[in-house]
Amino acid sequence: MTDKAGKVLCHIDLLNEPSPRLEEAKAIRLSKDCSANVKKTKIDAWQIAEIQLVLVGGEDWVYTMTPDKVGFVSDDAKFHLKPEGK
């Protein structure tokens, strides 16, 4: 995950394993080098809703991302999620 300027905030693995906390969602693995802003969201699950990727974290934190040319972009265009190496 990068910010608008392209700075890497965190490496995120979308796992094909059930979320331990939420039904109908899959688990996420965050890298150990995530920024404090990403860590505080406690992202731990993901799912697809229509065409959007939904990231879910602790305390009802939800962030939706829409597909773009390279991966996904947040609705406010602040964050991008790109496949490794892109």
C-alpha atoms as a PDB file:
ATOM      1  CA  MET A   1       0.000   0.000   0.000  1.00  0.00           C
ATOM      2  CA  THR A   2       1.358   3.402  -0.969  1.00  0.00           C
ATOM      3  CA  ASP A   3       0.325   6.958  -0.306  1.00  0.00           C
ATOM      4  CA  LYS A   4      -0.607   9.455  -3.037  1.00  0.00           C
ATOM      5  CA  ALA A   5       3.061  10.363  -3.559  1.00  0.00           C
ATOM      6  CA  GLY A   6       4.027   6.699  -4.038  1.00  0.00           C
ATOM      7  CA  LYS A   7       5.682   6.218  -0.637  1.00  0.00           C
ATOM      8  CA  VAL A   8       5.296   2.623   0.569  1.00  0.00           C
ATOM      9  CA  LEU A   9       3.248   2.482   3.770  1.00  0.00           C
ATOM     10  CA  CYS A  10       2.889  -1.277   4.140  1.00  0.00           C
ATOM     11  CA  HIS A  11       3.121  -4.562   2.260  1.00  0.00           C
ATOM     12  CA  ILE A  12      -0.204  -6.377   2.472  1.00  0.00           C
ATOM     13  CA  ASP A  13      -0.910 -10.007   1.590  1.00  0.00           C
ATOM     14  CA  LEU A  14      -4.554 -10.790   0.803  1.00  0.00           C
ATOM     15  CA  LEU A  15      -4.848 -14.384   1.962  1.00  0.00           C
ATOM     16  CA  ASN A  16      -7.275 -16.999   0.684  1.00  0.00           C
ATOM     17  CA  GLU A  17      -8.020 -18.087   4.247  1.00  0.00           C
ATOM     18  CA  PRO A  18     -11.129 -17.280   6.300  1.00  0.00           C
ATOM     19  CA  SER A  19     -10.893 -14.274   8.570  1.00  0.00           C
ATOM     20  CA  PRO A  20     -10.715 -15.403  12.196  1.00  0.00           C
ATOM     21  CA  ARG A  21     -12.958 -12.481  13.179  1.00  0.00           C
ATOM     22  CA  LEU A  22     -15.492 -11.973  10.378  1.00  0.00           C
ATOM     23  CA  GLU A  23     -17.751 -14.313   8.445  1.00  0.00           C
ATOM     24  CA  GLU A  24     -17.655 -13.934   4.638  1.00  0.00           C
ATOM     25  CA  ALA A  25     -14.253 -12.191   4.783  1.00  0.00           C
ATOM     26  CA  LYS A  26     -10.713 -13.398   4.175  1.00  0.00           C
ATOM     27  CA  ALA A  27      -7.608 -12.839   6.303  1.00  0.00           C
ATOM     28  CA  ILE A  28      -4.864 -10.275   5.669  1.00  0.00           C
ATOM     29  CA  ARG A  29      -1.178 -10.442   6.580  1.00  0.00           C
ATOM     30  CA  LEU A  30       0.641  -7.135   7.092  1.00  0.00           C
ATOM     31  CA  SER A  31       4.414  -6.799   6.846  1.00  0.00           C
ATOM     32  CA  LYS A  32       6.336  -5.933   9.989  1.00  0.00           C
ATOM     33  CA  ASP A  33       7.517  -2.625   8.508  1.00  0.00           C
ATOM     34  CA  CYS A  34       4.067  -0.986   8.211  1.00  0.00           C
ATOM     35  CA  SER A  35       3.790   2.685   9.074  1.00  0.00           C
ATOM     36  CA  ALA A  36       2.175   3.624  12.379  1.00  0.00           C
ATOM     37  CA  ASN A  37      -0.859   5.034  10.533  1.00  0.00           C
ATOM     38  CA  VAL A  38      -1.547   1.660   8.929  1.00  0.00           C
ATOM     39  CA  LYS A  39      -0.880  -0.307  12.127  1.00  0.00           C
ATOM     40  CA  LYS A  40      -3.391   1.736  14.119  1.00  0.00           C
ATOM     41  CA  THR A  41      -6.215   0.677  11.776  1.00  0.00           C
ATOM     42  CA  LYS A  42      -5.641  -2.964  12.798  1.00  0.00           C
ATOM     43  CA  ILE A  43      -6.461  -4.174   9.280  1.00  0.00           C
ATOM     44  CA  ASP A  44      -7.159  -7.899   9.526  1.00  0.00           C
ATOM     45  CA  ALA A  45      -9.683  -8.835   6.827  1.00  0.00           C
ATOM     46  CA  TRP A  46     -10.694  -8.190   3.238  1.00  0.00           C
ATOM     47  CA  GLN A  47     -13.579  -8.951   0.921  1.00  0.00           C
ATOM     48  CA  ILE A  48     -14.913  -7.992  -2.495  1.00  0.00           C
ATOM     49  CA  ALA A  49     -18.165  -6.008  -2.571  1.00  0.00           C
ATOM     50  CA  GLU A  50     -19.414  -5.536  -6.135  1.00  0.00           C
ATOM     51  CA  ILE A  51     -16.239  -4.229  -7.828  1.00  0.00           C
ATOM     52  CA  GLN A  52     -14.593  -2.745  -4.745  1.00  0.00           C
ATOM     53  CA  LEU A  53     -11.944  -4.222  -2.493  1.00  0.00           C
ATOM     54  CA  VAL A  54     -12.970  -3.633   1.119  1.00  0.00           C
ATOM     55  CA  LEU A  55     -10.282  -3.603   3.828  1.00  0.00           C
ATOM     56  CA  VAL A  56     -11.622  -4.141   7.344  1.00  0.00           C
ATOM     57  CA  GLY A  57      -9.884  -3.378  10.625  1.00  0.00           C
ATOM     58  CA  GLY A  58     -10.521  -3.133  14.321  1.00  0.00           C
ATOM     59  CA  GLU A  59     -13.159  -0.911  15.866  1.00  0.00           C
ATOM     60  CA  ASP A  60     -15.360  -0.969  12.743  1.00  0.00           C
ATOM     61  CA  TRP A  61     -12.686   0.562  10.493  1.00  0.00           C
ATOM     62  CA  VAL A  62     -13.610   0.014   6.822  1.00  0.00           C
ATOM     63  CA  TYR A  63     -11.837   1.339   3.725  1.00  0.00           C
ATOM     64  CA  THR A  64     -13.029   0.768   0.168  1.00  0.00           C
ATOM     65  CA  MET A  65     -10.789   0.727  -2.875  1.00  0.00           C
ATOM     66  CA  THR A  66     -11.789   0.739  -6.535  1.00  0.00           C
ATOM     67  CA  PRO A  67      -9.843  -0.967  -9.356  1.00  0.00           C
ATOM     68  CA  ASP A  68      -7.586   1.245 -11.481  1.00  0.00           C
ATOM     69  CA  LYS A  69      -4.986   0.564 -14.199  1.00  0.00           C
ATOM     70  CA  VAL A  70      -2.399  -0.934 -11.838  1.00  0.00           C
ATOM     71  CA  GLY A  71      -4.302  -2.212  -8.794  1.00  0.00           C
ATOM     72  CA  PHE A  72      -6.725  -0.420  -6.498  1.00  0.00           C
ATOM     73  CA  VAL A  73      -7.109   3.212  -5.431  1.00  0.00           C
ATOM     74  CA  SER A  74      -8.982   4.554  -2.409  1.00  0.00           C
ATOM     75  CA  ASP A  75     -12.123   6.588  -2.994  1.00  0.00           C
ATOM     76  CA  ASP A  76     -10.314   9.748  -1.844  1.00  0.00           C
ATOM     77  CA  ALA A  77      -7.250   8.876  -4.035  1.00  0.00           C
ATOM     78  CA  LYS A  78      -4.941   9.029  -0.988  1.00  0.00           C
ATOM     79  CA  PHE A  79      -3.883   5.377  -1.088  1.00  0.00           C
ATOM     80  CA  HIS A  80      -2.984   2.839  -3.763  1.00  0.00           C
ATOM     81  CA  LEU A  81      -2.715  -0.919  -3.496  1.00  0.00           C
ATOM     82  CA  LYS A  82      -0.528  -2.443  -6.223  1.00  0.00           C
ATOM     83  CA  PRO A  83       0.731  -5.944  -6.914  1.00  0.00           C
ATOM     84  CA  GLU A  84       4.330  -6.521  -5.800  1.00  0.00           C
ATOM     85  CA  GLY A  85       6.793  -5.121  -8.308  1.00  0.00           C
ATOM     86  CA  LYS A  86       4.398  -2.646  -9.982  1.00  0.00           C
END
